[in-house]
């Protein structure tokens, strides 16, 4: 069983690693004009091709205007195609 101090250290270390990972990931994604939040939309569409923006918003628990903006950007950069 971990002590409170060990739990805090473990949590802090995890936070540091995840911050570094996200920073490096965002740096690579910027090369393709992608943003971190768009990855969840792309992954969801990869798993469930043909979802509507309403369905995406519900599954990701984001507002429809937010999803609409993401989809417009992804469409502009030819990551997704809307029919």
Protein backbone atom coordinates (compact mmCIF):
# COMPACT_ATOMS: atom_id res chain seq x y z
CA UNK A 1 0.00 0.00 0.00
CA UNK A 2 1.35 3.42 -0.92
CA UNK A 3 1.65 6.22 1.58
CA UNK A 4 0.06 9.60 0.96
CA UNK A 5 3.47 11.06 0.08
CA UNK A 6 4.15 8.25 -2.40
CA UNK A 7 0.72 8.78 -3.98
CA UNK A 8 1.44 12.50 -4.36
CA UNK A 9 4.86 11.81 -5.88
CA UNK A 10 3.39 9.26 -8.27
CA UNK A 11 0.65 11.69 -9.29
CA UNK A 12 3.14 14.51 -9.79
CA UNK A 13 5.42 12.28 -11.89
CA UNK A 14 2.50 11.16 -14.03
CA UNK A 15 1.49 14.80 -14.57
CA UNK A 16 5.03 15.70 -15.66
CA UNK A 17 5.21 12.80 -18.12
CA UNK A 18 1.79 13.54 -19.60
CA UNK A 19 2.66 17.23 -19.98
CA UNK A 20 5.87 16.42 -21.83
CA UNK A 21 4.04 13.89 -24.03
CA UNK A 22 1.30 16.37 -24.90
CA UNK A 23 3.85 19.10 -25.69
CA UNK A 24 5.79 16.81 -28.02
CA UNK A 25 2.59 15.52 -29.63
CA UNK A 26 1.31 19.06 -30.25
CA UNK A 27 4.65 20.05 -31.79
CA UNK A 28 4.39 17.16 -34.27
CA UNK A 29 0.70 17.80 -34.95
CA UNK A 30 1.35 21.45 -35.73
CA UNK A 31 3.35 20.31 -38.74
CA UNK A 32 0.05 19.06 -40.18
CA UNK A 33 -2.04 22.01 -38.96
CA UNK A 34 -3.75 19.76 -36.41
CA UNK A 35 -4.68 20.59 -32.84
CA UNK A 36 -4.70 18.23 -29.87
CA UNK A 37 -8.48 18.33 -29.46
CA UNK A 38 -9.03 17.28 -33.09
CA UNK A 39 -7.42 13.90 -32.46
CA UNK A 40 -10.46 12.71 -30.51
CA UNK A 41 -12.72 13.65 -33.44
CA UNK A 42 -10.49 11.87 -35.95
CA UNK A 43 -10.28 8.77 -33.76
CA UNK A 44 -14.04 8.68 -33.26
CA UNK A 45 -14.65 8.98 -37.01
CA UNK A 46 -12.06 6.30 -37.70
CA UNK A 47 -13.91 3.94 -35.36
CA UNK A 48 -17.40 4.98 -36.52
CA UNK A 49 -17.30 6.24 -40.09
CA UNK A 50 -20.22 8.46 -41.05
CA UNK A 51 -21.18 9.89 -37.65
CA UNK A 52 -23.10 13.15 -37.72
CA UNK A 53 -21.78 16.22 -35.94
CA UNK A 54 -24.58 15.85 -33.40
CA UNK A 55 -23.50 12.28 -32.63
CA UNK A 56 -19.85 13.36 -32.35
CA UNK A 57 -20.78 16.18 -29.98
CA UNK A 58 -22.77 13.80 -27.77
CA UNK A 59 -20.05 11.14 -27.63
CA UNK A 60 -17.28 13.66 -26.89
CA UNK A 61 -19.50 15.73 -24.60
CA UNK A 62 -18.70 18.92 -26.49
CA UNK A 63 -21.00 21.59 -27.86
CA UNK A 64 -22.21 21.33 -31.43
CA UNK A 65 -20.63 24.69 -32.40
CA UNK A 66 -17.26 23.42 -31.11
CA UNK A 67 -17.56 20.23 -33.18
CA UNK A 68 -18.69 22.25 -36.19
CA UNK A 69 -15.57 24.42 -35.97
CA UNK A 70 -13.33 21.35 -35.64
CA UNK A 71 -14.98 19.61 -38.59
CA UNK A 72 -14.65 22.73 -40.76
CA UNK A 73 -10.93 22.89 -39.99
CA UNK A 74 -10.44 19.16 -40.57
CA UNK A 75 -12.36 19.40 -43.85
CA UNK A 76 -10.36 22.43 -45.00
CA UNK A 77 -7.14 20.52 -44.38
CA UNK A 78 -8.57 17.41 -46.08
CA UNK A 79 -8.48 15.15 -43.02
CA UNK A 80 -12.22 14.48 -43.31
CA UNK A 81 -14.72 14.72 -46.11
CA UNK A 82 -18.34 15.65 -45.59
CA UNK A 83 -21.08 14.26 -47.77
